[in-house]
Protein backbone atom coordinates (compact mmCIF):
# COMPACT_ATOMS: atom_id res chain seq x y z
CA MET A 1 -6.90 -25.00 4.48
CA VAL A 2 -7.21 -23.38 7.92
CA VAL A 3 -4.80 -20.61 6.92
CA PHE A 4 -6.61 -20.09 3.63
CA LEU A 5 -10.04 -19.82 5.26
CA SER A 6 -8.91 -17.52 8.07
CA THR A 7 -7.15 -15.23 5.61
CA LEU A 8 -10.11 -15.31 3.24
CA ASN A 9 -12.39 -14.30 6.11
CA GLN A 10 -10.34 -11.19 6.85
CA ILE A 11 -10.02 -10.23 3.19
CA ALA A 12 -13.77 -10.77 2.68
CA PHE A 13 -14.40 -8.43 5.63
CA LEU A 14 -12.31 -5.72 3.96
CA PHE A 15 -13.92 -6.28 0.57
CA THR A 16 -17.39 -5.99 2.10
CA LEU A 17 -16.48 -2.42 3.03
CA ILE A 18 -15.22 -1.83 -0.53
CA ALA A 19 -18.57 -3.09 -1.85
CA ALA A 20 -20.40 -0.80 0.59
CA GLY A 21 -18.50 2.21 -0.73
CA TRP A 22 -19.26 1.20 -4.32
CA VAL A 23 -22.99 0.78 -3.62
CA LEU A 24 -23.26 4.08 -1.75
CA ALA A 25 -21.53 5.90 -4.60
CA LYS A 26 -23.67 4.23 -7.28
CA LEU A 27 -26.91 5.02 -5.43
CA GLY A 28 -25.93 8.66 -5.10
CA VAL A 29 -26.23 8.55 -1.32
CA LEU A 30 -22.89 10.27 -0.85
CA PRO A 31 -22.51 13.98 -1.64
CA GLU A 32 -20.27 15.17 -4.45
CA GLY A 33 -16.66 15.30 -3.34
CA ALA A 34 -17.11 12.61 -0.66
CA ALA A 35 -14.08 10.69 -1.94
CA LYS A 36 -11.88 13.77 -1.68
CA VAL A 37 -13.05 14.39 1.90
CA LEU A 38 -12.42 10.78 2.93
CA ALA A 39 -9.00 10.84 1.28
CA LYS A 40 -8.05 13.97 3.21
CA LEU A 41 -9.26 12.46 6.49
CA GLU A 42 -7.35 9.26 5.76
CA ASN A 43 -4.10 11.03 4.88
CA THR A 44 -4.18 13.81 7.46
CA ILE A 45 -5.73 12.10 10.52
CA PHE A 46 -6.30 8.34 10.45
CA ILE A 47 -3.07 7.02 8.90
CA PRO A 48 -0.84 9.55 10.74
CA ALA A 49 -2.60 8.58 13.99
CA LEU A 50 -1.89 4.89 13.32
CA VAL A 51 1.76 5.59 12.53
CA LEU A 52 2.24 7.98 15.46
CA GLY A 53 0.61 5.69 18.00
CA THR A 54 2.50 2.62 16.77
CA PHE A 55 5.90 4.32 16.83
CA ILE A 56 5.31 5.93 20.24
CA GLU A 57 4.52 2.54 21.74
CA ASN A 58 7.08 0.39 19.95
CA PHE A 59 10.01 2.52 18.80
CA THR A 60 12.43 1.63 21.60
CA VAL A 61 16.10 0.74 21.61
CA GLU A 62 15.23 -2.85 22.47
CA ARG A 63 12.78 -3.23 19.55
CA LEU A 64 15.28 -1.69 17.12
CA ALA A 65 17.96 -4.27 17.90
CA SER A 66 16.79 -6.46 15.00
CA ALA A 67 15.34 -3.73 12.78
CA TRP A 68 18.37 -3.68 10.51
CA LYS A 69 17.31 -6.99 9.00
CA LEU A 70 13.83 -5.68 8.14
CA LEU A 71 15.24 -2.55 6.51
CA LEU A 72 17.94 -4.44 4.62
CA VAL A 73 15.58 -7.01 3.12
CA SER A 74 13.04 -4.33 2.21
CA THR A 75 15.73 -2.28 0.47
CA VAL A 76 16.94 -5.31 -1.49
CA ILE A 77 13.37 -6.08 -2.58
CA VAL A 78 12.94 -2.51 -3.87
CA ILE A 79 16.24 -2.67 -5.77
CA VAL A 80 15.19 -5.92 -7.46
CA LEU A 81 11.58 -4.92 -8.18
CA ILE A 82 12.24 -1.59 -9.90
CA PRO A 83 14.15 -2.91 -12.97
CA VAL A 84 11.80 -5.89 -13.21
CA SER A 85 8.79 -3.58 -13.17
CA ILE A 86 10.28 -1.36 -15.86
CA LEU A 87 11.03 -4.32 -18.14
CA VAL A 88 7.56 -5.85 -17.73
CA SER A 89 5.86 -2.49 -18.37
CA LYS A 90 7.84 -1.91 -21.56
CA ALA A 91 6.96 -5.41 -22.75
CA VAL A 92 3.23 -4.79 -22.24
CA THR A 93 2.84 -1.30 -23.76
CA ARG A 94 4.77 1.28 -25.76
CA ASP A 95 2.87 4.28 -24.38
CA LYS A 96 5.30 6.14 -22.08
CA TYR A 97 2.65 7.43 -19.66
CA ILE A 98 0.97 4.01 -19.33
CA GLN A 99 4.41 2.47 -18.86
CA ASN A 100 4.91 4.77 -15.88
CA ILE A 101 1.55 3.76 -14.41
CA TYR A 102 2.30 0.06 -14.87
CA THR A 103 5.81 0.46 -13.45
CA TYR A 104 4.53 2.19 -10.33
CA GLY A 105 1.82 -0.43 -9.82
CA LEU A 106 4.27 -3.31 -10.15
CA ALA A 107 7.03 -1.77 -8.04
CA PHE A 108 4.75 -0.50 -5.26
CA SER A 109 1.70 -2.47 -4.23
CA ASN A 110 -1.09 -1.12 -2.01
CA PHE A 111 1.10 -1.91 1.01
CA GLY A 112 -0.10 1.28 2.70
CA PHE A 113 -3.91 1.38 2.73
CA MET A 114 -4.51 -2.31 2.05
CA GLY A 115 -1.33 -3.62 3.65
CA ASN A 116 -1.85 -1.74 6.91
CA ALA A 117 -5.46 -2.94 7.02
CA VAL A 118 -4.55 -6.59 6.39
CA VAL A 119 -1.73 -6.58 8.94
CA ALA A 120 -3.84 -4.78 11.54
CA ALA A 121 -6.61 -7.37 11.08
CA MET A 122 -4.56 -10.56 10.68
CA PHE A 123 -1.17 -9.91 12.32
CA PRO A 124 -1.62 -7.07 14.84
CA ASP A 125 1.40 -8.22 16.88
CA ILE A 126 3.82 -7.33 14.08
CA LEU A 127 2.28 -4.04 12.94
CA PHE A 128 5.31 -2.10 14.18
CA GLU A 129 7.72 -4.41 12.35
CA TYR A 130 5.61 -4.09 9.21
CA LEU A 131 5.71 -0.28 9.37
CA LEU A 132 9.50 -0.46 9.74
CA PHE A 133 9.74 -2.89 6.84
CA THR A 134 7.83 -0.52 4.54
CA LEU A 135 10.02 2.52 5.33
CA PRO A 136 12.41 1.92 2.37
CA LEU A 137 9.35 1.48 0.13
CA TRP A 138 7.95 4.85 1.24
CA VAL A 139 11.33 6.50 0.74
CA GLU A 140 11.57 5.19 -2.82
CA ILE A 141 7.99 6.31 -3.50
CA TYR A 142 8.78 9.84 -2.31
CA VAL A 143 12.13 10.01 -4.12
CA TRP A 144 11.25 8.31 -7.42
CA GLY A 145 7.77 6.80 -7.65
CA VAL A 146 5.56 9.85 -7.15
CA PRO A 147 7.74 12.70 -8.50
CA VAL A 148 9.06 10.82 -11.53
CA LEU A 149 6.38 8.30 -12.51
CA LEU A 150 3.13 9.94 -11.38
CA MET A 151 3.73 13.68 -11.09
CA GLY A 152 6.48 14.29 -13.56
CA ASP A 153 6.20 15.31 -17.16
CA THR A 154 7.88 12.68 -19.32
CA GLU A 155 9.68 15.49 -21.15
CA LYS A 156 10.54 17.66 -18.12
CA GLN A 157 13.52 17.19 -15.83
CA GLN A 158 12.64 16.92 -12.13
CA THR A 159 14.39 19.44 -9.84
CA PHE A 160 15.72 18.66 -6.37
CA LYS A 161 12.84 20.67 -4.89
CA ASP A 162 10.33 18.56 -6.83
CA ARG A 163 11.87 15.40 -5.44
CA ILE A 164 12.07 16.54 -1.81
CA LYS A 165 8.56 18.04 -1.65
CA PRO A 166 6.71 14.69 -1.26
CA PHE A 167 8.51 14.11 2.05
CA ILE A 168 6.56 16.98 3.63
CA ASN A 169 3.41 15.03 4.39
CA PRO A 170 1.45 14.14 7.57
CA MET A 171 2.46 10.47 7.59
CA PHE A 172 6.19 11.14 7.33
CA ILE A 173 6.02 13.95 9.90
CA SER A 174 4.03 11.80 12.35
CA MET A 175 6.57 9.01 11.91
CA ILE A 176 9.45 11.34 12.84
CA ILE A 177 7.53 12.65 15.88
CA GLY A 178 6.70 9.10 16.94
CA ILE A 179 10.35 8.09 16.62
CA VAL A 180 11.48 10.96 18.87
CA ILE A 181 8.79 10.34 21.51
CA GLY A 182 9.37 6.59 21.43
CA LEU A 183 13.15 6.72 21.74
CA LEU A 184 13.11 9.36 24.48
CA ARG A 185 10.14 7.68 26.20
CA ILE A 186 8.39 11.02 26.60
CA PRO A 187 5.23 10.50 28.70
CA MET A 188 1.98 11.19 26.86
CA PRO A 189 -1.40 12.22 28.35
CA SER A 190 -3.83 9.31 28.48
CA PHE A 191 -6.54 11.27 26.63
CA LEU A 192 -4.16 11.88 23.73
CA LEU A 193 -3.30 8.20 23.51
CA SER A 194 -7.04 7.44 23.45
CA VAL A 195 -7.48 9.89 20.57
CA LEU A 196 -4.71 8.12 18.64
CA ASP A 197 -6.20 4.67 19.30
CA THR A 198 -9.70 5.72 18.22
CA SER A 199 -8.46 7.50 15.11
CA SER A 200 -6.26 4.54 14.18
CA ALA A 201 -9.26 2.23 14.30
CA CYS A 202 -10.90 4.30 11.56
CA MET A 203 -8.01 3.79 9.12
CA SER A 204 -8.96 0.41 7.65
CA PRO A 205 -12.74 0.98 7.21
CA VAL A 206 -12.27 4.40 5.64
CA ALA A 207 -9.53 3.12 3.31
CA MET A 208 -11.77 0.33 2.04
CA LEU A 209 -14.80 2.62 1.63
CA LEU A 210 -12.63 5.06 -0.31
CA THR A 211 -11.50 2.26 -2.61
CA GLY A 212 -15.12 1.32 -3.35
CA ILE A 213 -16.10 4.94 -4.05
CA THR A 214 -13.15 5.36 -6.42
CA VAL A 215 -13.99 2.15 -8.30
CA ALA A 216 -17.60 3.34 -8.75
CA THR A 217 -16.45 6.22 -10.97
CA ILE A 218 -15.17 4.05 -13.84
CA SER A 219 -16.75 1.91 -16.56
CA LEU A 220 -16.70 -1.71 -15.47
CA LYS A 221 -17.41 -2.94 -19.02
CA LYS A 222 -14.17 -1.45 -20.34
CA THR A 223 -12.35 -2.58 -17.24
CA PHE A 224 -13.18 -6.26 -17.56
CA THR A 225 -12.21 -6.37 -21.26
CA ASP A 226 -8.73 -4.84 -20.81
CA VAL A 227 -6.38 -7.82 -21.26
CA LYS A 228 -3.26 -5.84 -20.31
CA THR A 229 -4.75 -5.07 -16.93
CA TYR A 230 -5.10 -8.78 -16.19
CA ILE A 231 -1.46 -9.36 -17.17
CA ILE A 232 -0.15 -6.61 -14.91
CA SER A 233 -2.41 -7.70 -12.05
CA ALA A 234 -1.31 -11.33 -12.37
CA VAL A 235 2.35 -10.31 -12.25
CA ARG A 236 1.71 -8.12 -9.20
CA LEU A 237 -0.46 -10.57 -7.26
CA LEU A 238 1.00 -13.96 -8.20
CA ALA A 239 4.32 -13.85 -10.06
CA ILE A 240 6.07 -11.46 -7.66
CA PRO A 241 4.90 -13.08 -4.37
CA LEU A 242 5.56 -16.60 -5.68
CA ALA A 243 9.04 -15.59 -6.84
CA PHE A 244 9.69 -14.24 -3.37
CA ILE A 245 8.43 -17.46 -1.75
CA GLY A 246 10.86 -19.37 -3.95
CA ALA A 247 13.71 -17.08 -2.90
CA SER A 248 12.77 -17.48 0.77
CA MET A 249 13.38 -21.22 0.47
CA ILE A 250 16.96 -20.54 -0.62
CA PHE A 251 18.09 -17.77 1.72
CA PRO A 252 18.18 -18.64 5.45
CA VAL A 253 17.37 -15.05 6.47
CA PHE A 254 13.70 -15.82 5.81
CA GLU A 255 13.58 -18.40 8.56
CA ASP A 256 12.49 -15.39 10.61
CA LYS A 257 8.70 -15.71 10.36
CA THR A 258 8.11 -12.05 11.21
CA LEU A 259 10.36 -10.96 8.36
CA LEU A 260 8.71 -13.41 5.97
CA THR A 261 5.22 -12.23 6.94
CA CYS A 262 6.12 -8.55 6.59
CA ALA A 263 7.57 -9.15 3.14
CA LEU A 264 4.56 -11.15 1.96
CA CYS A 265 2.10 -8.58 3.33
CA SER A 266 3.78 -5.91 1.23
CA LEU A 267 4.30 -8.00 -1.91
CA ALA A 268 0.93 -9.77 -2.09
CA MET A 269 -1.23 -6.64 -1.97
CA PRO A 270 -3.11 -5.36 -5.06
CA LEU A 271 -2.04 -2.34 -7.09
CA GLY A 272 -2.20 0.90 -5.12
CA LEU A 273 -4.56 3.86 -5.52
CA ASN A 274 -1.82 6.50 -5.85
CA THR A 275 -1.91 5.88 -9.60
CA ILE A 276 -5.46 7.28 -9.52
CA VAL A 277 -5.33 9.96 -6.84
CA ILE A 278 -2.11 11.74 -7.81
CA PRO A 279 -2.39 11.89 -11.64
CA SER A 280 -6.02 13.04 -11.35
CA ALA A 281 -4.84 16.06 -9.38
CA TYR A 282 -2.74 17.05 -12.41
CA GLY A 283 -5.54 16.52 -14.91
CA LYS A 284 -4.11 13.31 -16.34
CA ASP A 285 -6.11 10.33 -17.62
CA THR A 286 -6.71 7.79 -14.85
CA THR A 287 -8.66 5.19 -16.83
CA VAL A 288 -5.83 2.66 -16.96
CA ALA A 289 -5.04 3.16 -13.27
CA ALA A 290 -8.69 2.71 -12.30
CA ASN A 291 -8.86 -0.49 -14.36
CA MET A 292 -5.82 -1.77 -12.50
CA ALA A 293 -7.41 -0.95 -9.14
CA VAL A 294 -10.64 -2.80 -9.92
CA ILE A 295 -9.14 -5.96 -11.41
CA SER A 296 -6.26 -6.31 -8.94
CA HIS A 297 -8.47 -5.77 -5.88
CA LEU A 298 -11.00 -8.34 -7.11
CA MET A 299 -8.26 -10.85 -7.91
CA ALA A 300 -6.68 -10.22 -4.52
CA LEU A 301 -9.75 -11.67 -2.84
CA ALA A 302 -8.48 -15.08 -3.98
CA THR A 303 -4.73 -14.52 -4.40
CA ILE A 304 -3.93 -13.10 -0.94
CA PRO A 305 -5.41 -16.10 0.94
CA LEU A 306 -3.75 -18.41 -1.60
CA VAL A 307 -0.31 -16.89 -1.08
CA PHE A 308 -0.53 -17.15 2.71
CA ALA A 309 -1.92 -20.67 2.46
CA ILE A 310 1.13 -21.70 0.41
CA VAL A 311 3.54 -20.59 3.12
CA GLY A 312 1.28 -21.89 5.88
């Protein structure tokens, strides 16, 4: 019960910010295009600052001694989740585009915005390990998830240039810079480190406000009557994490509590917002994706504390 209540308290804190964003958007307090501005700030300043600062401080030879286990387990999880996600999506709908949206949501949770925020609030001591754990997930998103499922035309073949382009982004670049500075132990000016710390602190609040603003743009009546959305959300939030918990009882590798926590923090998160942000930039319908965001984030208020309470 203690674990459940402490986790619920942190999740409620994050969801209060989501509610604030929703209210501000509904009241018309925010100017038009506020969501786009916040998204750009999040993706070009706050998240890169968090990644850069974390890697500068923690990416050392000593810390990397056990990193292989994090990367290996994360890679295995991706390999298992992708075919499962495809099969579930095909069983729920026959529409090819919606299948792609469902597949992306099931294969890749909101382990970035939401996951980083939850880990930073609940498990700050393992934030570096969590960022390492999610590297294979980001790679698969850049190589397959975004270019094939979200950006690609279902009838058009993706070129090598199309697949490599998503890697050129602020987060990936800041990660590489952080790796170099961390490994070489290059001294950094104190004022610059302060800038990174302050900017990193903005990541979680802005991410949650952005979620609330995005949710405010859709019809809640249609959202709460979409049965398929509940099915996909239940698979994402309960079936997948519980299956992993069952597997962790079999394989001794998960006796490592840091590894177990990193895996759960990535698997127990709601469906991500990329299914809204990226297709909308290409003029595609985002109704289904927005429904998924609303339902899964609301359900996560109960499921995330439940999952962590189960493992204690």
